[in-house]
PDB file of N, CA and C in Angstrom:
ATOM      1  N   MET A   1       0.842  -1.169   0.000  1.00  0.00           N
ATOM      2  CA  MET A   1       0.000   0.000   0.000  1.00  0.00           C
ATOM      3  C   MET A   1       0.894   1.241   0.000  1.00  0.00           C
ATOM      4  N   THR A   2       0.668   2.106  -0.962  1.00  0.00           N
ATOM      5  CA  THR A   2       1.466   3.323  -1.055  1.00  0.00           C
ATOM      6  C   THR A   2       0.779   4.465  -0.310  1.00  0.00           C
ATOM      7  N   ASP A   3       1.506   5.539  -0.179  1.00  0.00           N
ATOM      8  CA  ASP A   3       0.954   6.704   0.504  1.00  0.00           C
ATOM      9  C   ASP A   3      -0.154   7.338  -0.325  1.00  0.00           C
ATOM     10  N   LYS A   4      -1.010   8.052   0.366  1.00  0.00           N
ATOM     11  CA  LYS A   4      -2.113   8.742  -0.294  1.00  0.00           C
ATOM     12  C   LYS A   4      -1.561   9.915  -1.101  1.00  0.00           C
ATOM     13  N   PRO A   5      -1.993  10.072  -2.365  1.00  0.00           N
ATOM     14  CA  PRO A   5      -1.530  11.217  -3.157  1.00  0.00           C
ATOM     15  C   PRO A   5      -1.989  12.546  -2.552  1.00  0.00           C
ATOM     16  N   THR A   6      -1.244  13.580  -2.828  1.00  0.00           N
ATOM     17  CA  THR A   6      -1.559  14.905  -2.298  1.00  0.00           C
ATOM     18  C   THR A   6      -2.887  15.419  -2.824  1.00  0.00           C
ATOM     19  N   ILE A   7      -3.221  15.087  -4.071  1.00  0.00           N
ATOM     20  CA  ILE A   7      -4.477  15.561  -4.659  1.00  0.00           C
ATOM     21  C   ILE A   7      -5.678  14.970  -3.927  1.00  0.00           C
ATOM     22  N   VAL A   8      -5.530  13.753  -3.393  1.00  0.00           N
ATOM     23  CA  VAL A   8      -6.615  13.136  -2.628  1.00  0.00           C
ATOM     24  C   VAL A   8      -6.800  13.874  -1.305  1.00  0.00           C
ATOM     25  N   SER A   9      -5.707  14.194  -0.651  1.00  0.00           N
ATOM     26  CA  SER A   9      -5.792  14.945   0.609  1.00  0.00           C
ATOM     27  C   SER A   9      -6.371  16.338   0.383  1.00  0.00           C
ATOM     28  N   ALA A  10      -6.006  16.960  -0.721  1.00  0.00           N
ATOM     29  CA  ALA A  10      -6.553  18.282  -1.035  1.00  0.00           C
ATOM     30  C   ALA A  10      -8.051  18.197  -1.309  1.00  0.00           C
ATOM     31  N   GLY A  11      -8.475  17.175  -2.046  1.00  0.00           N
ATOM     32  CA  GLY A  11      -9.899  16.997  -2.313  1.00  0.00           C
ATOM     33  C   GLY A  11     -10.697  16.738  -1.051  1.00  0.00           C
ATOM     34  N   LYS A  12     -10.120  15.943  -0.154  1.00  0.00           N
ATOM     35  CA  LYS A  12     -10.796  15.668   1.114  1.00  0.00           C
ATOM     36  C   LYS A  12     -10.916  16.938   1.945  1.00  0.00           C
ATOM     37  N   THR A  13      -9.859  17.730   1.993  1.00  0.00           N
ATOM     38  CA  THR A  13      -9.885  18.986   2.748  1.00  0.00           C
ATOM     39  C   THR A  13     -10.902  19.960   2.165  1.00  0.00           C
ATOM     40  N   LEU A  14     -10.948  20.063   0.841  1.00  0.00           N
ATOM     41  CA  LEU A  14     -11.916  20.954   0.202  1.00  0.00           C
ATOM     42  C   LEU A  14     -13.344  20.485   0.438  1.00  0.00           C
ATOM     43  N   ALA A  15     -13.555  19.169   0.455  1.00  0.00           N
ATOM     44  CA  ALA A  15     -14.897  18.644   0.704  1.00  0.00           C
ATOM     45  C   ALA A  15     -15.347  18.931   2.134  1.00  0.00           C
ATOM     46  N   ILE A  16     -14.447  18.778   3.090  1.00  0.00           N
ATOM     47  CA  ILE A  16     -14.793  19.103   4.484  1.00  0.00           C
ATOM     48  C   ILE A  16     -15.092  20.595   4.616  1.00  0.00           C
ATOM     49  N   LEU A  17     -14.270  21.421   3.985  1.00  0.00           N
ATOM     50  CA  LEU A  17     -14.489  22.863   4.016  1.00  0.00           C
ATOM     51  C   LEU A  17     -15.832  23.232   3.380  1.00  0.00           C
ATOM     52  N   GLY A  18     -16.166  22.590   2.263  1.00  0.00           N
ATOM     53  CA  GLY A  18     -17.450  22.847   1.613  1.00  0.00           C
ATOM     54  C   GLY A  18     -18.630  22.463   2.486  1.00  0.00           C
ATOM     55  N   GLY A  19     -18.527  21.335   3.185  1.00  0.00           N
ATOM     56  CA  GLY A  19     -19.604  20.931   4.085  1.00  0.00           C
ATOM     57  C   GLY A  19     -19.788  21.902   5.233  1.00  0.00           C
ATOM     58  N   ILE A  20     -18.686  22.377   5.792  1.00  0.00           N
ATOM     59  CA  ILE A  20     -18.766  23.339   6.897  1.00  0.00           C
ATOM     60  C   ILE A  20     -19.359  24.660   6.417  1.00  0.00           C
ATOM     61  N   ILE A  21     -18.958  25.113   5.243  1.00  0.00           N
ATOM     62  CA  ILE A  21     -19.502  26.362   4.703  1.00  0.00           C
ATOM     63  C   ILE A  21     -20.989  26.213   4.397  1.00  0.00           C
ATOM     64  N   CYS A  22     -21.417  25.042   3.941  1.00  0.00           N
ATOM     65  CA  CYS A  22     -22.846  24.816   3.698  1.00  0.00           C
ATOM     66  C   CYS A  22     -23.651  24.922   4.986  1.00  0.00           C
ATOM     67  N   ILE A  23     -23.139  24.364   6.057  1.00  0.00           N
ATOM     68  CA  ILE A  23     -23.852  24.438   7.336  1.00  0.00           C
ATOM     69  C   ILE A  23     -23.892  25.885   7.838  1.00  0.00           C
ATOM     70  N   ILE A  24     -22.797  26.609   7.693  1.00  0.00           N
ATOM     71  CA  ILE A  24     -22.790  28.025   8.073  1.00  0.00           C
ATOM     72  C   ILE A  24     -23.749  28.817   7.186  1.00  0.00           C
ATOM     73  N   GLY A  25     -23.776  28.498   5.898  1.00  0.00           N
ATOM     74  CA  GLY A  25     -24.699  29.166   4.984  1.00  0.00           C
ATOM     75  C   GLY A  25     -26.151  28.891   5.310  1.00  0.00           C
ATOM     76  N   THR A  26     -26.441  27.707   5.828  1.00  0.00           N
ATOM     77  CA  THR A  26     -27.800  27.402   6.258  1.00  0.00           C
ATOM     78  C   THR A  26     -28.210  28.320   7.398  1.00  0.00           C
ATOM     79  N   ALA A  27     -27.313  28.526   8.338  1.00  0.00           N
ATOM     80  CA  ALA A  27     -27.623  29.409   9.466  1.00  0.00           C
ATOM     81  C   ALA A  27     -27.749  30.865   9.021  1.00  0.00           C
ATOM     82  N   LEU A  28     -26.950  31.279   8.050  1.00  0.00           N
ATOM     83  CA  LEU A  28     -26.987  32.673   7.614  1.00  0.00           C
ATOM     84  C   LEU A  28     -28.223  33.004   6.787  1.00  0.00           C
ATOM     85  N   THR A  29     -28.711  32.051   6.007  1.00  0.00           N
ATOM     86  CA  THR A  29     -29.836  32.327   5.111  1.00  0.00           C
ATOM     87  C   THR A  29     -31.174  31.916   5.695  1.00  0.00           C
ATOM     88  N   PHE A  30     -31.215  31.477   6.944  1.00  0.00           N
ATOM     89  CA  PHE A  30     -32.461  31.034   7.556  1.00  0.00           C
ATOM     90  C   PHE A  30     -33.392  32.221   7.776  1.00  0.00           C
ATOM     91  N   ASP A  31     -34.646  32.053   7.347  1.00  0.00           N
ATOM     92  CA  ASP A  31     -35.675  33.069   7.541  1.00  0.00           C
ATOM     93  C   ASP A  31     -36.914  32.368   8.071  1.00  0.00           C
ATOM     94  N   ALA A  32     -37.225  32.561   9.344  1.00  0.00           N
ATOM     95  CA  ALA A  32     -38.331  31.840   9.972  1.00  0.00           C
ATOM     96  C   ALA A  32     -39.684  32.265   9.420  1.00  0.00           C
ATOM     97  N   GLY A  33     -39.795  33.437   8.858  1.00  0.00           N
ATOM     98  CA  GLY A  33     -41.070  33.908   8.343  1.00  0.00           C
ATOM     99  C   GLY A  33     -41.359  33.472   6.920  1.00  0.00           C
ATOM    100  N   SER A  34     -40.473  32.748   6.313  1.00  0.00           N
ATOM    101  CA  SER A  34     -40.639  32.341   4.923  1.00  0.00           C
ATOM    102  C   SER A  34     -41.564  31.140   4.808  1.00  0.00           C
ATOM    103  N   ILE A  35     -42.199  31.021   3.672  1.00  0.00           N
ATOM    104  CA  ILE A  35     -43.072  29.876   3.406  1.00  0.00           C
ATOM    105  C   ILE A  35     -42.236  28.649   3.049  1.00  0.00           C
ATOM    106  N   ASN A  36     -41.115  28.847   2.393  1.00  0.00           N
ATOM    107  CA  ASN A  36     -40.279  27.747   1.910  1.00  0.00           C
ATOM    108  C   ASN A  36     -39.147  27.421   2.877  1.00  0.00           C
ATOM    109  N   VAL A  37     -39.458  27.288   4.141  1.00  0.00           N
ATOM    110  CA  VAL A  37     -38.413  27.042   5.133  1.00  0.00           C
ATOM    111  C   VAL A  37     -37.734  25.699   4.883  1.00  0.00           C
ATOM    112  N   MET A  38     -38.498  24.685   4.515  1.00  0.00           N
ATOM    113  CA  MET A  38     -37.912  23.359   4.290  1.00  0.00           C
ATOM    114  C   MET A  38     -36.933  23.370   3.118  1.00  0.00           C
ATOM    115  N   VAL A  39     -37.267  24.111   2.074  1.00  0.00           N
ATOM    116  CA  VAL A  39     -36.365  24.190   0.922  1.00  0.00           C
ATOM    117  C   VAL A  39     -35.123  24.995   1.280  1.00  0.00           C
ATOM    118  N   GLU A  40     -35.315  26.084   2.013  1.00  0.00           N
ATOM    119  CA  GLU A  40     -34.181  26.935   2.374  1.00  0.00           C
ATOM    120  C   GLU A  40     -33.219  26.239   3.328  1.00  0.00           C
ATOM    121  N   ILE A  41     -33.715  25.330   4.123  1.00  0.00           N
ATOM    122  CA  ILE A  41     -32.849  24.567   5.020  1.00  0.00           C
ATOM    123  C   ILE A  41     -32.375  23.287   4.342  1.00  0.00           C
ATOM    124  N   GLY A  42     -33.255  22.645   3.601  1.00  0.00           N
ATOM    125  CA  GLY A  42     -32.965  21.326   3.040  1.00  0.00           C
ATOM    126  C   GLY A  42     -31.887  21.305   1.976  1.00  0.00           C
ATOM    127  N   LEU A  43     -31.906  22.267   1.066  1.00  0.00           N
ATOM    128  CA  LEU A  43     -30.917  22.246  -0.020  1.00  0.00           C
ATOM    129  C   LEU A  43     -29.484  22.457   0.463  1.00  0.00           C
ATOM    130  N   PRO A  44     -29.224  23.441   1.321  1.00  0.00           N
ATOM    131  CA  PRO A  44     -27.842  23.552   1.816  1.00  0.00           C
ATOM    132  C   PRO A  44     -27.412  22.359   2.670  1.00  0.00           C
ATOM    133  N   LEU A  45     -28.340  21.807   3.443  1.00  0.00           N
ATOM    134  CA  LEU A  45     -27.969  20.641   4.247  1.00  0.00           C
ATOM    135  C   LEU A  45     -27.746  19.411   3.373  1.00  0.00           C
ATOM    136  N   LEU A  46     -28.525  19.268   2.288  1.00  0.00           N
ATOM    137  CA  LEU A  46     -28.278  18.176   1.344  1.00  0.00           C
ATOM    138  C   LEU A  46     -26.899  18.321   0.717  1.00  0.00           C
ATOM    139  N   SER A  47     -26.550  19.533   0.362  1.00  0.00           N
ATOM    140  CA  SER A  47     -25.225  19.766  -0.203  1.00  0.00           C
ATOM    141  C   SER A  47     -24.131  19.467   0.812  1.00  0.00           C
ATOM    142  N   ALA A  48     -24.350  19.819   2.076  1.00  0.00           N
ATOM    143  CA  ALA A  48     -23.364  19.511   3.117  1.00  0.00           C
ATOM    144  C   ALA A  48     -23.194  18.009   3.271  1.00  0.00           C
ATOM    145  N   VAL A  49     -24.302  17.269   3.222  1.00  0.00           N
ATOM    146  CA  VAL A  49     -24.223  15.806   3.321  1.00  0.00           C
ATOM    147  C   VAL A  49     -23.447  15.231   2.145  1.00  0.00           C
ATOM    148  N   LEU A  50     -23.671  15.763   0.948  1.00  0.00           N
ATOM    149  CA  LEU A  50     -22.941  15.274  -0.223  1.00  0.00           C
ATOM    150  C   LEU A  50     -21.455  15.606  -0.129  1.00  0.00           C
ATOM    151  N   PHE A  51     -21.125  16.794   0.355  1.00  0.00           N
ATOM    152  CA  PHE A  51     -19.713  17.135   0.569  1.00  0.00           C
ATOM    153  C   PHE A  51     -19.067  16.171   1.563  1.00  0.00           C
ATOM    154  N   PHE A  52     -19.743  15.923   2.690  1.00  0.00           N
ATOM    155  CA  PHE A  52     -19.179  15.040   3.708  1.00  0.00           C
ATOM    156  C   PHE A  52     -19.117  13.590   3.226  1.00  0.00           C
ATOM    157  N   ALA A  53     -20.053  13.175   2.360  1.00  0.00           N
ATOM    158  CA  ALA A  53     -20.005  11.817   1.813  1.00  0.00           C
ATOM    159  C   ALA A  53     -18.769  11.626   0.938  1.00  0.00           C
ATOM    160  N   VAL A  54     -18.475  12.610   0.109  1.00  0.00           N
ATOM    161  CA  VAL A  54     -17.279  12.523  -0.733  1.00  0.00           C
ATOM    162  C   VAL A  54     -16.023  12.569   0.129  1.00  0.00           C
ATOM    163  N   SER A  55     -16.045  13.387   1.162  1.00  0.00           N
ATOM    164  CA  SER A  55     -14.894  13.456   2.060  1.00  0.00           C
ATOM    165  C   SER A  55     -14.650  12.118   2.746  1.00  0.00           C
ATOM    166  N   GLY A  56     -15.702  11.476   3.187  1.00  0.00           N
ATOM    167  CA  GLY A  56     -15.553  10.162   3.812  1.00  0.00           C
ATOM    168  C   GLY A  56     -15.111   9.096   2.835  1.00  0.00           C
ATOM    169  N   ALA A  57     -15.525   9.229   1.579  1.00  0.00           N
ATOM    170  CA  ALA A  57     -15.119   8.251   0.574  1.00  0.00           C
ATOM    171  C   ALA A  57     -13.649   8.384   0.212  1.00  0.00           C
ATOM    172  N   LEU A  58     -13.063   9.538   0.468  1.00  0.00           N
ATOM    173  CA  LEU A  58     -11.646   9.732   0.173  1.00  0.00           C
ATOM    174  C   LEU A  58     -10.745   9.272   1.310  1.00  0.00           C
ATOM    175  N   ASN A  59     -11.310   8.619   2.312  1.00  0.00           N
ATOM    176  CA  ASN A  59     -10.506   8.017   3.376  1.00  0.00           C
ATOM    177  C   ASN A  59      -9.833   6.753   2.867  1.00  0.00           C
ATOM    178  N   VAL A  60      -8.926   6.231   3.660  1.00  0.00           N
ATOM    179  CA  VAL A  60      -8.229   4.999   3.287  1.00  0.00           C
ATOM    180  C   VAL A  60      -9.213   3.834   3.196  1.00  0.00           C
ATOM    181  N   ASN A  61     -10.185   3.773   4.080  1.00  0.00           N
ATOM    182  CA  ASN A  61     -11.168   2.690   4.072  1.00  0.00           C
ATOM    183  C   ASN A  61     -12.494   3.129   3.478  1.00  0.00           C
ATOM    184  N   GLY A  62     -12.485   4.077   2.553  1.00  0.00           N
ATOM    185  CA  GLY A  62     -13.717   4.566   1.940  1.00  0.00           C
ATOM    186  C   GLY A  62     -14.389   3.493   1.107  1.00  0.00           C
ATOM    187  N   GLY A  63     -15.707   3.535   1.071  1.00  0.00           N
ATOM    188  CA  GLY A  63     -16.455   2.487   0.404  1.00  0.00           C
ATOM    189  C   GLY A  63     -16.900   2.793  -1.008  1.00  0.00           C
ATOM    190  N   MET A  64     -16.758   4.018  -1.477  1.00  0.00           N
ATOM    191  CA  MET A  64     -17.243   4.377  -2.808  1.00  0.00           C
ATOM    192  C   MET A  64     -16.174   4.136  -3.862  1.00  0.00           C
ATOM    193  N   LYS A  65     -16.642   3.752  -5.027  1.00  0.00           N
ATOM    194  CA  LYS A  65     -15.745   3.655  -6.177  1.00  0.00           C
ATOM    195  C   LYS A  65     -15.623   5.035  -6.818  1.00  0.00           C
ATOM    196  N   GLY A  66     -14.704   5.155  -7.749  1.00  0.00           N
ATOM    197  CA  GLY A  66     -14.453   6.451  -8.378  1.00  0.00           C
ATOM    198  C   GLY A  66     -15.642   7.004  -9.135  1.00  0.00           C
ATOM    199  N   GLY A  67     -16.343   6.144  -9.866  1.00  0.00           N
ATOM    200  CA  GLY A  67     -17.504   6.600 -10.628  1.00  0.00           C
ATOM    201  C   GLY A  67     -18.629   7.103  -9.742  1.00  0.00           C
ATOM    202  N   VAL A  68     -18.813   6.467  -8.609  1.00  0.00           N
ATOM    203  CA  VAL A  68     -19.856   6.899  -7.675  1.00  0.00           C
ATOM    204  C   VAL A  68     -19.496   8.252  -7.073  1.00  0.00           C
ATOM    205  N   MET A  69     -18.216   8.446  -6.747  1.00  0.00           N
ATOM    206  CA  MET A  69     -17.795   9.739  -6.201  1.00  0.00           C
ATOM    207  C   MET A  69     -17.967  10.853  -7.232  1.00  0.00           C
ATOM    208  N   ILE A  70     -17.675  10.558  -8.492  1.00  0.00           N
ATOM    209  CA  ILE A  70     -17.869  11.556  -9.544  1.00  0.00           C
ATOM    210  C   ILE A  70     -19.351  11.883  -9.688  1.00  0.00           C
ATOM    211  N   PHE A  71     -20.219  10.861  -9.630  1.00  0.00           N
ATOM    212  CA  PHE A  71     -21.660  11.094  -9.713  1.00  0.00           C
ATOM    213  C   PHE A  71     -22.151  11.946  -8.542  1.00  0.00           C
ATOM    214  N   VAL A  72     -21.687  11.640  -7.333  1.00  0.00           N
ATOM    215  CA  VAL A  72     -22.097  12.410  -6.153  1.00  0.00           C
ATOM    216  C   VAL A  72     -21.612  13.855  -6.271  1.00  0.00           C
ATOM    217  N   SER A  73     -20.429  14.058  -6.819  1.00  0.00           N
ATOM    218  CA  SER A  73     -19.926  15.422  -6.993  1.00  0.00           C
ATOM    219  C   SER A  73     -20.747  16.191  -8.028  1.00  0.00           C
ATOM    220  N   PHE A  74     -21.104  15.526  -9.138  1.00  0.00           N
ATOM    221  CA  PHE A  74     -21.973  16.175 -10.124  1.00  0.00           C
ATOM    222  C   PHE A  74     -23.338  16.484  -9.524  1.00  0.00           C
ATOM    223  N   LEU A  75     -23.869  15.564  -8.726  1.00  0.00           N
ATOM    224  CA  LEU A  75     -25.150  15.793  -8.064  1.00  0.00           C
ATOM    225  C   LEU A  75     -25.059  16.988  -7.113  1.00  0.00           C
ATOM    226  N   ASN A  76     -23.945  17.103  -6.426  1.00  0.00           N
ATOM    227  CA  ASN A  76     -23.740  18.231  -5.520  1.00  0.00           C
ATOM    228  C   ASN A  76     -23.684  19.547  -6.291  1.00  0.00           C
ATOM    229  N   ILE A  77     -23.003  19.558  -7.417  1.00  0.00           N
ATOM    230  CA  ILE A  77     -22.954  20.770  -8.241  1.00  0.00           C
ATOM    231  C   ILE A  77     -24.350  21.129  -8.736  1.00  0.00           C
ATOM    232  N   ALA A  78     -25.144  20.125  -9.115  1.00  0.00           N
ATOM    233  CA  ALA A  78     -26.510  20.384  -9.573  1.00  0.00           C
ATOM    234  C   ALA A  78     -27.378  20.942  -8.448  1.00  0.00           C
ATOM    235  N   VAL A  79     -27.258  20.385  -7.249  1.00  0.00           N
ATOM    236  CA  VAL A  79     -28.031  20.881  -6.100  1.00  0.00           C
ATOM    237  C   VAL A  79     -27.637  22.319  -5.778  1.00  0.00           C
ATOM    238  N   LEU A  80     -26.340  22.595  -5.784  1.00  0.00           N
ATOM    239  CA  LEU A  80     -25.880  23.954  -5.489  1.00  0.00           C
ATOM    240  C   LEU A  80     -26.324  24.948  -6.562  1.00  0.00           C
ATOM    241  N   THR A  81     -26.278  24.536  -7.817  1.00  0.00           N
ATOM    242  CA  THR A  81     -26.718  25.412  -8.902  1.00  0.00           C
ATOM    243  C   THR A  81     -28.208  25.700  -8.786  1.00  0.00           C
ATOM    244  N   PHE A  82     -28.999  24.653  -8.514  1.00  0.00           N
ATOM    245  CA  PHE A  82     -30.437  24.850  -8.347  1.00  0.00           C
ATOM    246  C   PHE A  82     -30.729  25.760  -7.158  1.00  0.00           C
ATOM    247  N   GLY A  83     -30.039  25.537  -6.052  1.00  0.00           N
ATOM    248  CA  GLY A  83     -30.260  26.369  -4.870  1.00  0.00           C
ATOM    249  C   GLY A  83     -29.872  27.815  -5.088  1.00  0.00           C
ATOM    250  N   THR A  84     -28.832  28.043  -5.865  1.00  0.00           N
ATOM    251  CA  THR A  84     -28.410  29.414  -6.146  1.00  0.00           C
ATOM    252  C   THR A  84     -29.389  30.095  -7.095  1.00  0.00           C
ATOM    253  N   ILE A  85     -29.830  29.382  -8.121  1.00  0.00           N
ATOM    254  CA  ILE A  85     -30.781  29.961  -9.070  1.00  0.00           C
ATOM    255  C   ILE A  85     -32.145  30.170  -8.418  1.00  0.00           C
ATOM    256  N   TYR A  86     -32.587  29.206  -7.622  1.00  0.00           N
ATOM    257  CA  TYR A  86     -33.888  29.292  -6.958  1.00  0.00           C
ATOM    258  C   TYR A  86     -33.910  30.383  -5.900  1.00  0.00           C
ATOM    259  N   GLY A  87     -32.764  30.717  -5.351  1.00  0.00           N
ATOM    260  CA  GLY A  87     -32.673  31.801  -4.392  1.00  0.00           C
ATOM    261  C   GLY A  87     -32.609  31.370  -2.946  1.00  0.00           C
ATOM    262  N   THR A  88     -32.383  30.089  -2.695  1.00  0.00           N
ATOM    263  CA  THR A  88     -32.286  29.653  -1.303  1.00  0.00           C
ATOM    264  C   THR A  88     -30.930  29.999  -0.697  1.00  0.00           C
ATOM    265  N   MET A  89     -29.941  30.226  -1.535  1.00  0.00           N
ATOM    266  CA  MET A  89     -28.615  30.618  -1.063  1.00  0.00           C
ATOM    267  C   MET A  89     -28.258  31.971  -1.650  1.00  0.00           C
ATOM    268  N   ASP A  90     -27.413  32.668  -0.957  1.00  0.00           N
ATOM    269  CA  ASP A  90     -26.881  33.920  -1.463  1.00  0.00           C
ATOM    270  C   ASP A  90     -26.071  33.637  -2.726  1.00  0.00           C
ATOM    271  N   LEU A  91     -26.051  34.584  -3.642  1.00  0.00           N
ATOM    272  CA  LEU A  91     -25.368  34.382  -4.914  1.00  0.00           C
ATOM    273  C   LEU A  91     -23.876  34.126  -4.722  1.00  0.00           C
ATOM    274  N   TYR A  92     -23.231  34.895  -3.863  1.00  0.00           N
ATOM    275  CA  TYR A  92     -21.789  34.735  -3.658  1.00  0.00           C
ATOM    276  C   TYR A  92     -21.476  33.449  -2.900  1.00  0.00           C
ATOM    277  N   LEU A  93     -22.313  33.109  -1.939  1.00  0.00           N
ATOM    278  CA  LEU A  93     -22.130  31.851  -1.218  1.00  0.00           C
ATOM    279  C   LEU A  93     -22.297  30.668  -2.164  1.00  0.00           C
ATOM    280  N   GLY A  94     -23.311  30.725  -3.018  1.00  0.00           N
ATOM    281  CA  GLY A  94     -23.515  29.666  -3.995  1.00  0.00           C
ATOM    282  C   GLY A  94     -22.361  29.552  -4.973  1.00  0.00           C
ATOM    283  N   ALA A  95     -21.825  30.695  -5.404  1.00  0.00           N
ATOM    284  CA  ALA A  95     -20.698  30.667  -6.338  1.00  0.00           C
ATOM    285  C   ALA A  95     -19.463  30.050  -5.694  1.00  0.00           C
ATOM    286  N   VAL A  96     -19.200  30.401  -4.436  1.00  0.00           N
ATOM    287  CA  VAL A  96     -18.046  29.830  -3.731  1.00  0.00           C
ATOM    288  C   VAL A  96     -18.222  28.325  -3.553  1.00  0.00           C
ATOM    289  N   LEU A  97     -19.425  27.901  -3.191  1.00  0.00           N
ATOM    290  CA  LEU A  97     -19.662  26.471  -2.987  1.00  0.00           C
ATOM    291  C   LEU A  97     -19.604  25.688  -4.297  1.00  0.00           C
ATOM    292  N   ILE A  98     -20.083  26.286  -5.380  1.00  0.00           N
ATOM    293  CA  ILE A  98     -19.986  25.615  -6.685  1.00  0.00           C
ATOM    294  C   ILE A  98     -18.522  25.480  -7.095  1.00  0.00           C
ATOM    295  N   LEU A  99     -17.719  26.503  -6.849  1.00  0.00           N
ATOM    296  CA  LEU A  99     -16.287  26.408  -7.159  1.00  0.00           C
ATOM    297  C   LEU A  99     -15.600  25.349  -6.297  1.00  0.00           C
ATOM    298  N   LEU A 100     -15.972  25.258  -5.023  1.00  0.00           N
ATOM    299  CA  LEU A 100     -15.410  24.210  -4.164  1.00  0.00           C
ATOM    300  C   LEU A 100     -15.815  22.823  -4.656  1.00  0.00           C
ATOM    301  N   ALA A 101     -17.078  22.679  -5.051  1.00  0.00           N
ATOM    302  CA  ALA A 101     -17.539  21.381  -5.552  1.00  0.00           C
ATOM    303  C   ALA A 101     -16.839  21.020  -6.860  1.00  0.00           C
ATOM    304  N   ALA A 102     -16.592  22.010  -7.707  1.00  0.00           N
ATOM    305  CA  ALA A 102     -15.861  21.748  -8.950  1.00  0.00           C
ATOM    306  C   ALA A 102     -14.411  21.365  -8.664  1.00  0.00           C
ATOM    307  N   ALA A 103     -13.806  21.982  -7.655  1.00  0.00           N
ATOM    308  CA  ALA A 103     -12.434  21.618  -7.286  1.00  0.00           C
ATOM    309  C   ALA A 103     -12.379  20.203  -6.716  1.00  0.00           C
ATOM    310  N   VAL A 104     -13.380  19.828  -5.935  1.00  0.00           N
ATOM    311  CA  VAL A 104     -13.447  18.451  -5.424  1.00  0.00           C
ATOM    312  C   VAL A 104     -13.620  17.479  -6.583  1.00  0.00           C
ATOM    313  N   LEU A 105     -14.475  17.830  -7.542  1.00  0.00           N
ATOM    314  CA  LEU A 105     -14.668  16.979  -8.718  1.00  0.00           C
ATOM    315  C   LEU A 105     -13.376  16.847  -9.515  1.00  0.00           C
ATOM    316  N   ALA A 106     -12.633  17.931  -9.655  1.00  0.00           N
ATOM    317  CA  ALA A 106     -11.361  17.869 -10.379  1.00  0.00           C
ATOM    318  C   ALA A 106     -10.355  16.985  -9.656  1.00  0.00           C
ATOM    319  N   SER A 107     -10.352  17.034  -8.335  1.00  0.00           N
ATOM    320  CA  SER A 107      -9.409  16.186  -7.597  1.00  0.00           C
ATOM    321  C   SER A 107      -9.804  14.715  -7.676  1.00  0.00           C
ATOM    322  N   ILE A 108     -11.096  14.440  -7.712  1.00  0.00           N
ATOM    323  CA  ILE A 108     -11.547  13.050  -7.834  1.00  0.00           C
ATOM    324  C   ILE A 108     -11.259  12.512  -9.232  1.00  0.00           C
ATOM    325  N   SER A 109     -11.378  13.373 -10.235  1.00  0.00           N
ATOM    326  CA  SER A 109     -11.207  12.939 -11.621  1.00  0.00           C
ATOM    327  C   SER A 109      -9.752  12.791 -12.044  1.00  0.00           C
ATOM    328  N   SER A 110      -8.815  13.149 -11.196  1.00  0.00           N
ATOM    329  CA  SER A 110      -7.410  13.069 -11.586  1.00  0.00           C
ATOM    330  C   SER A 110      -6.953  11.613 -11.688  1.00  0.00           C
ATOM    331  N   SER A 111      -5.914  11.402 -12.453  1.00  0.00           N
ATOM    332  CA  SER A 111      -5.426  10.034 -12.667  1.00  0.00           C
ATOM    333  C   SER A 111      -4.794   9.455 -11.405  1.00  0.00           C
ATOM    334  N   GLY A 112      -4.155  10.291 -10.601  1.00  0.00           N
ATOM    335  CA  GLY A 112      -3.566   9.806  -9.352  1.00  0.00           C
ATOM    336  C   GLY A 112      -4.620   9.304  -8.381  1.00  0.00           C
ATOM    337  N   THR A 113      -5.748  10.001  -8.324  1.00  0.00           N
ATOM    338  CA  THR A 113      -6.838   9.560  -7.455  1.00  0.00           C
ATOM    339  C   THR A 113      -7.439   8.265  -7.968  1.00  0.00           C
ATOM    340  N   ALA A 114      -7.625   8.154  -9.276  1.00  0.00           N
ATOM    341  CA  ALA A 114      -8.190   6.928  -9.843  1.00  0.00           C
ATOM    342  C   ALA A 114      -7.281   5.731  -9.576  1.00  0.00           C
ATOM    343  N   ARG A 115      -5.978   5.920  -9.715  1.00  0.00           N
ATOM    344  CA  ARG A 115      -5.051   4.826  -9.435  1.00  0.00           C
ATOM    345  C   ARG A 115      -5.084   4.444  -7.966  1.00  0.00           C
ATOM    346  N   TRP A 116      -5.135   5.440  -7.092  1.00  0.00           N
ATOM    347  CA  TRP A 116      -5.156   5.170  -5.656  1.00  0.00           C
ATOM    348  C   TRP A 116      -6.434   4.445  -5.251  1.00  0.00           C
ATOM    349  N   ILE A 117      -7.565   4.821  -5.854  1.00  0.00           N
ATOM    350  CA  ILE A 117      -8.835   4.171  -5.519  1.00  0.00           C
ATOM    351  C   ILE A 117      -8.832   2.725  -5.994  1.00  0.00           C
ATOM    352  N   GLN A 118      -8.348   2.467  -7.203  1.00  0.00           N
ATOM    353  CA  GLN A 118      -8.416   1.121  -7.769  1.00  0.00           C
ATOM    354  C   GLN A 118      -7.392   0.175  -7.172  1.00  0.00           C
ATOM    355  N   ALA A 119      -6.201   0.654  -6.892  1.00  0.00           N
ATOM    356  CA  ALA A 119      -5.134  -0.275  -6.521  1.00  0.00           C
ATOM    357  C   ALA A 119      -4.674  -0.161  -5.077  1.00  0.00           C
ATOM    358  N   ASP A 120      -4.546   1.029  -4.567  1.00  0.00           N
ATOM    359  CA  ASP A 120      -3.818   1.207  -3.318  1.00  0.00           C
ATOM    360  C   ASP A 120      -4.683   1.496  -2.104  1.00  0.00           C
ATOM    361  N   ARG A 121      -5.958   1.772  -2.291  1.00  0.00           N
ATOM    362  CA  ARG A 121      -6.761   2.201  -1.152  1.00  0.00           C
ATOM    363  C   ARG A 121      -7.071   1.063  -0.200  1.00  0.00           C
ATOM    364  N   ILE A 122      -7.297  -0.115  -0.708  1.00  0.00           N
ATOM    365  CA  ILE A 122      -7.739  -1.231   0.143  1.00  0.00           C
ATOM    366  C   ILE A 122      -6.576  -1.969   0.754  1.00  0.00           C
TER     367      ILE A 122
END
C-alpha cells in the first residue's frame, strides 16, 4: 500500500471545508417567516451531506468507487446550482460552494486519485 496522493488529501480537505460552509450558509440564510423554510434549510444541508459523503469516501477505508464519487460530486454541483438559481442561497455563497464542488470533482477525476482508488486504497 502506497501513501495517499496529495491531490486526494486536497480533495478531502476541500470537501470538508465545503460541508462546513454549507452548514454556516444554512444558518446565515435562515428566515423563519418564509413559506419555503424546508427548501431553504434542506438544499444547503443536502449539499453539506454530499460534501461530507465525498470526504468520507476519500478516506483509506472509503467504500465508494471512483464513478460513484464523480456522480455524487456532479449531483452536488446540480443541487448547489439549483439552490443558487432558486434563491435559497446567497449568490456569492452559492458561487463559492460551486467552485469548491468543482475543485473536489477535479481532484476526484485526476489520474492519481483513480489509481489510488483502484489499486492502493484497500
